[in-house]
Amino acid sequence: YDVGYVKRYWVYAVPFYVTYVLLVVFQLLLNYLLM
């Protein structure tokens, strides 16, 4: 079901997962820059 809905509503789902990964990267980068 999940894969089917990701395909159907990819315009929301795919950017969400991409931004989620970017958010993790930014979180780690921020702490490195803070150090």
PDB file of all heavy atoms in Angstrom:
ATOM      1  N   TYR A   1       0.834  -1.202   0.000  1.00  0.00           N
ATOM      2  CA  TYR A   1       0.000   0.000   0.000  1.00  0.00           C
ATOM      3  C   TYR A   1       0.868   1.250   0.000  1.00  0.00           C
ATOM      4  O   TYR A   1       0.590   2.223  -0.720  1.00  0.00           O
ATOM      5  CB  TYR A   1      -0.909   0.010   1.229  1.00  0.00           C
ATOM      6  CG  TYR A   1      -2.249  -0.653   1.030  1.00  0.00           C
ATOM      7  CD1 TYR A   1      -2.416  -2.008   1.254  1.00  0.00           C
ATOM      8  CD2 TYR A   1      -3.361   0.075   0.618  1.00  0.00           C
ATOM      9  CE1 TYR A   1      -3.648  -2.627   1.080  1.00  0.00           C
ATOM     10  CE2 TYR A   1      -4.594  -0.530   0.437  1.00  0.00           C
ATOM     11  CZ  TYR A   1      -4.737  -1.884   0.682  1.00  0.00           C
ATOM     12  OH  TYR A   1      -5.955  -2.485   0.508  1.00  0.00           O
ATOM     13  N   ASP A   2       1.923   1.244   0.840  1.00  0.00           N
ATOM     14  CA  ASP A   2       2.788   2.414   0.985  1.00  0.00           C
ATOM     15  C   ASP A   2       3.458   2.760  -0.341  1.00  0.00           C
ATOM     16  O   ASP A   2       3.456   3.919  -0.778  1.00  0.00           O
ATOM     17  CB  ASP A   2       3.843   2.130   2.059  1.00  0.00           C
ATOM     18  CG  ASP A   2       4.503   3.401   2.569  1.00  0.00           C
ATOM     19  OD1 ASP A   2       4.089   4.501   2.157  1.00  0.00           O
ATOM     20  OD2 ASP A   2       5.424   3.296   3.399  1.00  0.00           O
ATOM     21  N   VAL A   3       4.033   1.758  -0.988  1.00  0.00           N
ATOM     22  CA  VAL A   3       4.698   1.985  -2.269  1.00  0.00           C
ATOM     23  C   VAL A   3       3.689   2.494  -3.303  1.00  0.00           C
ATOM     24  O   VAL A   3       3.980   3.408  -4.091  1.00  0.00           O
ATOM     25  CB  VAL A   3       5.377   0.694  -2.765  1.00  0.00           C
ATOM     26  CG1 VAL A   3       5.887   0.865  -4.199  1.00  0.00           C
ATOM     27  CG2 VAL A   3       6.526   0.316  -1.843  1.00  0.00           C
ATOM     28  N   GLY A   4       2.491   1.924  -3.272  1.00  0.00           N
ATOM     29  CA  GLY A   4       1.460   2.362  -4.211  1.00  0.00           C
ATOM     30  C   GLY A   4       1.091   3.818  -4.015  1.00  0.00           C
ATOM     31  O   GLY A   4       0.943   4.571  -4.995  1.00  0.00           O
ATOM     32  N   TYR A   5       0.969   4.228  -2.750  1.00  0.00           N
ATOM     33  CA  TYR A   5       0.611   5.626  -2.493  1.00  0.00           C
ATOM     34  C   TYR A   5       1.783   6.570  -2.752  1.00  0.00           C
ATOM     35  O   TYR A   5       1.576   7.725  -3.145  1.00  0.00           O
ATOM     36  CB  TYR A   5       0.096   5.784  -1.063  1.00  0.00           C
ATOM     37  CG  TYR A   5      -1.380   5.484  -0.951  1.00  0.00           C
ATOM     38  CD1 TYR A   5      -1.836   4.456  -0.149  1.00  0.00           C
ATOM     39  CD2 TYR A   5      -2.310   6.225  -1.657  1.00  0.00           C
ATOM     40  CE1 TYR A   5      -3.199   4.165  -0.054  1.00  0.00           C
ATOM     41  CE2 TYR A   5      -3.661   5.953  -1.577  1.00  0.00           C
ATOM     42  CZ  TYR A   5      -4.099   4.924  -0.767  1.00  0.00           C
ATOM     43  OH  TYR A   5      -5.436   4.652  -0.701  1.00  0.00           O
ATOM     44  N   VAL A   6       3.007   6.107  -2.538  1.00  0.00           N
ATOM     45  CA  VAL A   6       4.170   6.931  -2.881  1.00  0.00           C
ATOM     46  C   VAL A   6       4.191   7.198  -4.386  1.00  0.00           C
ATOM     47  O   VAL A   6       4.484   8.315  -4.828  1.00  0.00           O
ATOM     48  CB  VAL A   6       5.476   6.247  -2.427  1.00  0.00           C
ATOM     49  CG1 VAL A   6       6.687   6.926  -3.063  1.00  0.00           C
ATOM     50  CG2 VAL A   6       5.601   6.302  -0.914  1.00  0.00           C
ATOM     51  N   LYS A   7       3.854   6.173  -5.172  1.00  0.00           N
ATOM     52  CA  LYS A   7       3.797   6.352  -6.628  1.00  0.00           C
ATOM     53  C   LYS A   7       2.668   7.307  -7.005  1.00  0.00           C
ATOM     54  O   LYS A   7       2.820   8.158  -7.885  1.00  0.00           O
ATOM     55  CB  LYS A   7       3.594   4.997  -7.306  1.00  0.00           C
ATOM     56  CG  LYS A   7       4.799   4.081  -7.247  1.00  0.00           C
ATOM     57  CD  LYS A   7       4.495   2.758  -7.950  1.00  0.00           C
ATOM     58  CE  LYS A   7       5.702   1.838  -7.926  1.00  0.00           C
ATOM     59  NZ  LYS A   7       5.396   0.516  -8.571  1.00  0.00           N
ATOM     60  N   ARG A   8       1.522   7.142  -6.342  1.00  0.00           N
ATOM     61  CA  ARG A   8       0.366   7.964  -6.702  1.00  0.00           C
ATOM     62  C   ARG A   8       0.564   9.414  -6.301  1.00  0.00           C
ATOM     63  O   ARG A   8       0.222  10.335  -7.045  1.00  0.00           O
ATOM     64  CB  ARG A   8      -0.896   7.403  -6.040  1.00  0.00           C
ATOM     65  CG  ARG A   8      -2.145   8.238  -6.317  1.00  0.00           C
ATOM     66  CD  ARG A   8      -3.400   7.581  -5.763  1.00  0.00           C
ATOM     67  NE  ARG A   8      -3.671   6.317  -6.435  1.00  0.00           N
ATOM     68  CZ  ARG A   8      -4.757   5.581  -6.205  1.00  0.00           C
ATOM     69  NH1 ARG A   8      -5.653   5.971  -5.319  1.00  0.00           N
ATOM     70  NH2 ARG A   8      -4.957   4.457  -6.853  1.00  0.00           N
ATOM     71  N   TYR A   9       1.121   9.626  -5.110  1.00  0.00           N
ATOM     72  CA  TYR A   9       1.314  10.983  -4.609  1.00  0.00           C
ATOM     73  C   TYR A   9       2.797  11.314  -4.476  1.00  0.00           C
ATOM     74  O   TYR A   9       3.240  11.860  -3.475  1.00  0.00           O
ATOM     75  CB  TYR A   9       0.602  11.136  -3.261  1.00  0.00           C
ATOM     76  CG  TYR A   9      -0.889  10.934  -3.357  1.00  0.00           C
ATOM     77  CD1 TYR A   9      -1.501   9.815  -2.816  1.00  0.00           C
ATOM     78  CD2 TYR A   9      -1.691  11.850  -4.031  1.00  0.00           C
ATOM     79  CE1 TYR A   9      -2.866   9.612  -2.919  1.00  0.00           C
ATOM     80  CE2 TYR A   9      -3.057  11.664  -4.141  1.00  0.00           C
ATOM     81  CZ  TYR A   9      -3.641  10.542  -3.581  1.00  0.00           C
ATOM     82  OH  TYR A   9      -4.994  10.350  -3.693  1.00  0.00           O
ATOM     83  N   TRP A  10       3.547  10.961  -5.521  1.00  0.00           N
ATOM     84  CA  TRP A  10       4.996  11.171  -5.509  1.00  0.00           C
ATOM     85  C   TRP A  10       5.354  12.642  -5.371  1.00  0.00           C
ATOM     86  O   TRP A  10       6.414  12.977  -4.832  1.00  0.00           O
ATOM     87  CB  TRP A  10       5.620  10.608  -6.791  1.00  0.00           C
ATOM     88  CG  TRP A  10       5.175  11.328  -8.037  1.00  0.00           C
ATOM     89  CD1 TRP A  10       4.124  11.029  -8.842  1.00  0.00           C
ATOM     90  CD2 TRP A  10       5.773  12.509  -8.590  1.00  0.00           C
ATOM     91  NE1 TRP A  10       4.017  11.934  -9.871  1.00  0.00           N
ATOM     92  CE2 TRP A  10       5.020  12.858  -9.746  1.00  0.00           C
ATOM     93  CE3 TRP A  10       6.861  13.306  -8.242  1.00  0.00           C
ATOM     94  CZ2 TRP A  10       5.323  13.954 -10.538  1.00  0.00           C
ATOM     95  CZ3 TRP A  10       7.169  14.403  -9.023  1.00  0.00           C
ATOM     96  CH2 TRP A  10       6.405  14.716 -10.163  1.00  0.00           C
ATOM     97  N   VAL A  11       4.488  13.523  -5.842  1.00  0.00           N
ATOM     98  CA  VAL A  11       4.777  14.957  -5.780  1.00  0.00           C
ATOM     99  C   VAL A  11       4.918  15.433  -4.337  1.00  0.00           C
ATOM    100  O   VAL A  11       5.575  16.442  -4.064  1.00  0.00           O
ATOM    101  CB  VAL A  11       3.679  15.754  -6.524  1.00  0.00           C
ATOM    102  CG1 VAL A  11       2.354  15.701  -5.767  1.00  0.00           C
ATOM    103  CG2 VAL A  11       4.109  17.197  -6.740  1.00  0.00           C
ATOM    104  N   TYR A  12       4.334  14.712  -3.382  1.00  0.00           N
ATOM    105  CA  TYR A  12       4.505  15.013  -1.960  1.00  0.00           C
ATOM    106  C   TYR A  12       5.470  14.036  -1.301  1.00  0.00           C
ATOM    107  O   TYR A  12       6.310  14.437  -0.489  1.00  0.00           O
ATOM    108  CB  TYR A  12       3.158  14.934  -1.229  1.00  0.00           C
ATOM    109  CG  TYR A  12       2.075  15.783  -1.826  1.00  0.00           C
ATOM    110  CD1 TYR A  12       0.830  15.245  -2.127  1.00  0.00           C
ATOM    111  CD2 TYR A  12       2.290  17.125  -2.113  1.00  0.00           C
ATOM    112  CE1 TYR A  12      -0.174  16.018  -2.694  1.00  0.00           C
ATOM    113  CE2 TYR A  12       1.292  17.909  -2.672  1.00  0.00           C
ATOM    114  CZ  TYR A  12       0.059  17.345  -2.959  1.00  0.00           C
ATOM    115  OH  TYR A  12      -0.922  18.116  -3.518  1.00  0.00           O
ATOM    116  N   ALA A  13       5.350  12.742  -1.629  1.00  0.00           N
ATOM    117  CA  ALA A  13       6.109  11.711  -0.923  1.00  0.00           C
ATOM    118  C   ALA A  13       7.607  11.774  -1.210  1.00  0.00           C
ATOM    119  O   ALA A  13       8.429  11.752  -0.282  1.00  0.00           O
ATOM    120  CB  ALA A  13       5.558  10.331  -1.286  1.00  0.00           C
ATOM    121  N   VAL A  14       7.972  11.837  -2.487  1.00  0.00           N
ATOM    122  CA  VAL A  14       9.397  11.824  -2.837  1.00  0.00           C
ATOM    123  C   VAL A  14      10.117  13.057  -2.281  1.00  0.00           C
ATOM    124  O   VAL A  14      11.176  12.927  -1.646  1.00  0.00           O
ATOM    125  CB  VAL A  14       9.577  11.699  -4.364  1.00  0.00           C
ATOM    126  CG1 VAL A  14      11.049  11.860  -4.747  1.00  0.00           C
ATOM    127  CG2 VAL A  14       9.042  10.353  -4.853  1.00  0.00           C
ATOM    128  N   PRO A  15       9.601  14.281  -2.502  1.00  0.00           N
ATOM    129  CA  PRO A  15      10.267  15.438  -1.889  1.00  0.00           C
ATOM    130  C   PRO A  15      10.329  15.345  -0.373  1.00  0.00           C
ATOM    131  O   PRO A  15      11.300  15.820   0.233  1.00  0.00           O
ATOM    132  CB  PRO A  15       9.401  16.625  -2.339  1.00  0.00           C
ATOM    133  CG  PRO A  15       8.727  16.170  -3.581  1.00  0.00           C
ATOM    134  CD  PRO A  15       8.472  14.717  -3.371  1.00  0.00           C
ATOM    135  N   PHE A  16       9.317  14.727   0.266  1.00  0.00           N
ATOM    136  CA  PHE A  16       9.359  14.581   1.720  1.00  0.00           C
ATOM    137  C   PHE A  16      10.553  13.743   2.152  1.00  0.00           C
ATOM    138  O   PHE A  16      11.315  14.123   3.049  1.00  0.00           O
ATOM    139  CB  PHE A  16       8.066  13.936   2.224  1.00  0.00           C
ATOM    140  CG  PHE A  16       8.202  13.346   3.607  1.00  0.00           C
ATOM    141  CD1 PHE A  16       8.362  14.170   4.715  1.00  0.00           C
ATOM    142  CD2 PHE A  16       8.214  11.973   3.789  1.00  0.00           C
ATOM    143  CE1 PHE A  16       8.520  13.639   5.991  1.00  0.00           C
ATOM    144  CE2 PHE A  16       8.361  11.431   5.056  1.00  0.00           C
ATOM    145  CZ  PHE A  16       8.514  12.272   6.159  1.00  0.00           C
ATOM    146  N   TYR A  17      10.741  12.580   1.519  1.00  0.00           N
ATOM    147  CA  TYR A  17      11.865  11.724   1.908  1.00  0.00           C
ATOM    148  C   TYR A  17      13.205  12.380   1.582  1.00  0.00           C
ATOM    149  O   TYR A  17      14.181  12.220   2.334  1.00  0.00           O
ATOM    150  CB  TYR A  17      11.743  10.357   1.212  1.00  0.00           C
ATOM    151  CG  TYR A  17      10.655   9.494   1.796  1.00  0.00           C
ATOM    152  CD1 TYR A  17       9.578   9.059   1.024  1.00  0.00           C
ATOM    153  CD2 TYR A  17      10.689   9.118   3.130  1.00  0.00           C
ATOM    154  CE1 TYR A  17       8.572   8.274   1.570  1.00  0.00           C
ATOM    155  CE2 TYR A  17       9.690   8.329   3.687  1.00  0.00           C
ATOM    156  CZ  TYR A  17       8.638   7.908   2.896  1.00  0.00           C
ATOM    157  OH  TYR A  17       7.650   7.139   3.446  1.00  0.00           O
ATOM    158  N   VAL A  18      13.273  13.120   0.492  1.00  0.00           N
ATOM    159  CA  VAL A  18      14.519  13.835   0.147  1.00  0.00           C
ATOM    160  C   VAL A  18      14.825  14.896   1.199  1.00  0.00           C
ATOM    161  O   VAL A  18      15.962  15.009   1.679  1.00  0.00           O
ATOM    162  CB  VAL A  18      14.406  14.466  -1.254  1.00  0.00           C
ATOM    163  CG1 VAL A  18      15.589  15.398  -1.512  1.00  0.00           C
ATOM    164  CG2 VAL A  18      14.349  13.383  -2.332  1.00  0.00           C
ATOM    165  N   THR A  19      13.821  15.687   1.559  1.00  0.00           N
ATOM    166  CA  THR A  19      14.045  16.738   2.564  1.00  0.00           C
ATOM    167  C   THR A  19      14.356  16.143   3.929  1.00  0.00           C
ATOM    168  O   THR A  19      15.093  16.738   4.710  1.00  0.00           O
ATOM    169  CB  THR A  19      12.822  17.668   2.663  1.00  0.00           C
ATOM    170  OG1 THR A  19      11.641  16.889   2.919  1.00  0.00           O
ATOM    171  CG2 THR A  19      12.641  18.474   1.397  1.00  0.00           C
ATOM    172  N   TYR A  20      13.803  14.958   4.212  1.00  0.00           N
ATOM    173  CA  TYR A  20      14.106  14.297   5.493  1.00  0.00           C
ATOM    174  C   TYR A  20      15.590  13.933   5.575  1.00  0.00           C
ATOM    175  O   TYR A  20      16.243  14.146   6.599  1.00  0.00           O
ATOM    176  CB  TYR A  20      13.244  13.038   5.641  1.00  0.00           C
ATOM    177  CG  TYR A  20      13.384  12.371   6.994  1.00  0.00           C
ATOM    178  CD1 TYR A  20      12.670  12.829   8.095  1.00  0.00           C
ATOM    179  CD2 TYR A  20      14.239  11.293   7.171  1.00  0.00           C
ATOM    180  CE1 TYR A  20      12.797  12.221   9.334  1.00  0.00           C
ATOM    181  CE2 TYR A  20      14.381  10.677   8.403  1.00  0.00           C
ATOM    182  CZ  TYR A  20      13.657  11.146   9.479  1.00  0.00           C
ATOM    183  OH  TYR A  20      13.795  10.556  10.718  1.00  0.00           O
ATOM    184  N   VAL A  21      16.118  13.388   4.466  1.00  0.00           N
ATOM    185  CA  VAL A  21      17.551  13.062   4.424  1.00  0.00           C
ATOM    186  C   VAL A  21      18.384  14.336   4.542  1.00  0.00           C
ATOM    187  O   VAL A  21      19.391  14.378   5.280  1.00  0.00           O
ATOM    188  CB  VAL A  21      17.888  12.301   3.126  1.00  0.00           C
ATOM    189  CG1 VAL A  21      19.404  12.136   2.986  1.00  0.00           C
ATOM    190  CG2 VAL A  21      17.210  10.937   3.112  1.00  0.00           C
ATOM    191  N   LEU A  22      17.986  15.381   3.829  1.00  0.00           N
ATOM    192  CA  LEU A  22      18.707  16.658   3.909  1.00  0.00           C
ATOM    193  C   LEU A  22      18.680  17.209   5.328  1.00  0.00           C
ATOM    194  O   LEU A  22      19.667  17.796   5.804  1.00  0.00           O
ATOM    195  CB  LEU A  22      18.084  17.675   2.949  1.00  0.00           C
ATOM    196  CG  LEU A  22      18.406  17.508   1.468  1.00  0.00           C
ATOM    197  CD1 LEU A  22      17.635  18.538   0.647  1.00  0.00           C
ATOM    198  CD2 LEU A  22      19.913  17.669   1.227  1.00  0.00           C
ATOM    199  N   LEU A  23      17.570  17.021   6.016  1.00  0.00           N
ATOM    200  CA  LEU A  23      17.446  17.518   7.391  1.00  0.00           C
ATOM    201  C   LEU A  23      18.464  16.851   8.309  1.00  0.00           C
ATOM    202  O   LEU A  23      19.081  17.503   9.165  1.00  0.00           O
ATOM    203  CB  LEU A  23      16.022  17.264   7.903  1.00  0.00           C
ATOM    204  CG  LEU A  23      15.610  18.018   9.163  1.00  0.00           C
ATOM    205  CD1 LEU A  23      15.667  19.526   8.946  1.00  0.00           C
ATOM    206  CD2 LEU A  23      14.200  17.597   9.583  1.00  0.00           C
ATOM    207  N   VAL A  24      18.662  15.550   8.132  1.00  0.00           N
ATOM    208  CA  VAL A  24      19.664  14.829   8.931  1.00  0.00           C
ATOM    209  C   VAL A  24      21.066  15.342   8.618  1.00  0.00           C
ATOM    210  O   VAL A  24      21.888  15.567   9.526  1.00  0.00           O
ATOM    211  CB  VAL A  24      19.574  13.314   8.666  1.00  0.00           C
ATOM    212  CG1 VAL A  24      20.676  12.569   9.430  1.00  0.00           C
ATOM    213  CG2 VAL A  24      18.209  12.786   9.077  1.00  0.00           C
ATOM    214  N   VAL A  25      21.331  15.553   7.330  1.00  0.00           N
ATOM    215  CA  VAL A  25      22.644  16.069   6.927  1.00  0.00           C
ATOM    216  C   VAL A  25      22.882  17.448   7.537  1.00  0.00           C
ATOM    217  O   VAL A  25      23.964  17.727   8.082  1.00  0.00           O
ATOM    218  CB  VAL A  25      22.743  16.140   5.389  1.00  0.00           C
ATOM    219  CG1 VAL A  25      24.023  16.852   4.967  1.00  0.00           C
ATOM    220  CG2 VAL A  25      22.690  14.739   4.786  1.00  0.00           C
ATOM    221  N   PHE A  26      21.885  18.322   7.478  1.00  0.00           N
ATOM    222  CA  PHE A  26      22.010  19.664   8.050  1.00  0.00           C
ATOM    223  C   PHE A  26      22.202  19.606   9.565  1.00  0.00           C
ATOM    224  O   PHE A  26      22.934  20.412  10.137  1.00  0.00           O
ATOM    225  CB  PHE A  26      20.782  20.512   7.711  1.00  0.00           C
ATOM    226  CG  PHE A  26      20.847  21.147   6.352  1.00  0.00           C
ATOM    227  CD1 PHE A  26      19.816  20.981   5.437  1.00  0.00           C
ATOM    228  CD2 PHE A  26      21.929  21.928   5.978  1.00  0.00           C
ATOM    229  CE1 PHE A  26      19.870  21.572   4.188  1.00  0.00           C
ATOM    230  CE2 PHE A  26      21.996  22.517   4.731  1.00  0.00           C
ATOM    231  CZ  PHE A  26      20.959  22.340   3.822  1.00  0.00           C
ATOM    232  N   GLN A  27      21.518  18.662  10.213  1.00  0.00           N
ATOM    233  CA  GLN A  27      21.649  18.532  11.663  1.00  0.00           C
ATOM    234  C   GLN A  27      23.097  18.216  12.050  1.00  0.00           C
ATOM    235  O   GLN A  27      23.664  18.826  12.971  1.00  0.00           O
ATOM    236  CB  GLN A  27      20.727  17.423  12.179  1.00  0.00           C
ATOM    237  CG  GLN A  27      20.847  17.165  13.685  1.00  0.00           C
ATOM    238  CD  GLN A  27      20.087  15.921  14.135  1.00  0.00           C
ATOM    239  OE1 GLN A  27      19.468  15.244  13.328  1.00  0.00           O
ATOM    240  NE2 GLN A  27      20.155  15.624  15.410  1.00  0.00           N
ATOM    241  N   LEU A  28      23.701  17.279  11.342  1.00  0.00           N
ATOM    242  CA  LEU A  28      25.086  16.909  11.640  1.00  0.00           C
ATOM    243  C   LEU A  28      26.049  18.035  11.262  1.00  0.00           C
ATOM    244  O   LEU A  28      27.009  18.331  11.997  1.00  0.00           O
ATOM    245  CB  LEU A  28      25.441  15.623  10.893  1.00  0.00           C
ATOM    246  CG  LEU A  28      24.557  14.402  11.215  1.00  0.00           C
ATOM    247  CD1 LEU A  28      25.023  13.188  10.428  1.00  0.00           C
ATOM    248  CD2 LEU A  28      24.561  14.110  12.708  1.00  0.00           C
ATOM    249  N   LEU A  29      25.793  18.672  10.114  1.00  0.00           N
ATOM    250  CA  LEU A  29      26.662  19.761   9.674  1.00  0.00           C
ATOM    251  C   LEU A  29      26.612  20.941  10.644  1.00  0.00           C
ATOM    252  O   LEU A  29      27.651  21.570  10.937  1.00  0.00           O
ATOM    253  CB  LEU A  29      26.249  20.203   8.272  1.00  0.00           C
ATOM    254  CG  LEU A  29      27.072  21.342   7.643  1.00  0.00           C
ATOM    255  CD1 LEU A  29      28.539  20.945   7.543  1.00  0.00           C
ATOM    256  CD2 LEU A  29      26.507  21.708   6.267  1.00  0.00           C
ATOM    257  N   LEU A  30      25.430  21.246  11.158  1.00  0.00           N
ATOM    258  CA  LEU A  30      25.296  22.345  12.121  1.00  0.00           C
ATOM    259  C   LEU A  30      26.118  22.095  13.372  1.00  0.00           C
ATOM    260  O   LEU A  30      26.784  23.004  13.898  1.00  0.00           O
ATOM    261  CB  LEU A  30      23.816  22.527  12.496  1.00  0.00           C
ATOM    262  CG  LEU A  30      22.969  23.379  11.550  1.00  0.00           C
ATOM    263  CD1 LEU A  30      21.497  23.290  11.926  1.00  0.00           C
ATOM    264  CD2 LEU A  30      23.435  24.836  11.587  1.00  0.00           C
ATOM    265  N   ASN A  31      26.093  20.873  13.863  1.00  0.00           N
ATOM    266  CA  ASN A  31      26.856  20.567  15.081  1.00  0.00           C
ATOM    267  C   ASN A  31      28.360  20.582  14.816  1.00  0.00           C
ATOM    268  O   ASN A  31      29.142  20.977  15.688  1.00  0.00           O
ATOM    269  CB  ASN A  31      26.417  19.209  15.633  1.00  0.00           C
ATOM    270  CG  ASN A  31      25.075  19.295  16.332  1.00  0.00           C
ATOM    271  OD1 ASN A  31      24.962  19.851  17.424  1.00  0.00           O
ATOM    272  ND2 ASN A  31      24.033  18.776  15.703  1.00  0.00           N
ATOM    273  N   TYR A  32      28.761  20.178  13.620  1.00  0.00           N
ATOM    274  CA  TYR A  32      30.184  20.270  13.274  1.00  0.00           C
ATOM    275  C   TYR A  32      30.624  21.732  13.223  1.00  0.00           C
ATOM    276  O   TYR A  32      31.669  22.109  13.780  1.00  0.00           O
ATOM    277  CB  TYR A  32      30.433  19.594  11.931  1.00  0.00           C
ATOM    278  CG  TYR A  32      31.836  19.830  11.412  1.00  0.00           C
ATOM    279  CD1 TYR A  32      32.916  19.128  11.931  1.00  0.00           C
ATOM    280  CD2 TYR A  32      32.065  20.779  10.418  1.00  0.00           C
ATOM    281  CE1 TYR A  32      34.207  19.371  11.476  1.00  0.00           C
ATOM    282  CE2 TYR A  32      33.347  21.010   9.949  1.00  0.00           C
ATOM    283  CZ  TYR A  32      34.419  20.311  10.474  1.00  0.00           C
ATOM    284  OH  TYR A  32      35.702  20.546  10.024  1.00  0.00           O
ATOM    285  N   LEU A  33      29.818  22.587  12.562  1.00  0.00           N
ATOM    286  CA  LEU A  33      30.158  24.007  12.476  1.00  0.00           C
ATOM    287  C   LEU A  33      30.142  24.662  13.844  1.00  0.00           C
ATOM    288  O   LEU A  33      30.970  25.540  14.132  1.00  0.00           O
ATOM    289  CB  LEU A  33      29.163  24.710  11.545  1.00  0.00           C
ATOM    290  CG  LEU A  33      29.257  24.338  10.054  1.00  0.00           C
ATOM    291  CD1 LEU A  33      28.120  24.976   9.276  1.00  0.00           C
ATOM    292  CD2 LEU A  33      30.607  24.768   9.487  1.00  0.00           C
ATOM    293  N   LEU A  34      29.197  24.227  14.718  1.00  0.00           N
ATOM    294  CA  LEU A  34      29.147  24.778  16.070  1.00  0.00           C
ATOM    295  C   LEU A  34      30.425  24.437  16.834  1.00  0.00           C
ATOM    296  O   LEU A  34      30.995  25.294  17.539  1.00  0.00           O
ATOM    297  CB  LEU A  34      27.924  24.221  16.803  1.00  0.00           C
ATOM    298  CG  LEU A  34      27.745  24.682  18.248  1.00  0.00           C
ATOM    299  CD1 LEU A  34      27.494  26.191  18.300  1.00  0.00           C
ATOM    300  CD2 LEU A  34      26.599  23.931  18.914  1.00  0.00           C
ATOM    301  N   MET A  35      30.903  23.210  16.683  1.00  0.00           N
ATOM    302  CA  MET A  35      32.135  22.795  17.355  1.00  0.00           C
ATOM    303  C   MET A  35      33.323  23.650  16.894  1.00  0.00           C
ATOM    304  O   MET A  35      34.081  24.195  17.718  1.00  0.00           O
ATOM    305  CB  MET A  35      32.401  21.313  17.043  1.00  0.00           C
ATOM    306  CG  MET A  35      33.731  20.795  17.580  1.00  0.00           C
ATOM    307  SD  MET A  35      34.088  19.104  17.059  1.00  0.00           S
ATOM    308  CE  MET A  35      34.388  19.360  15.311  1.00  0.00           C
TER     309      MET A  35
END
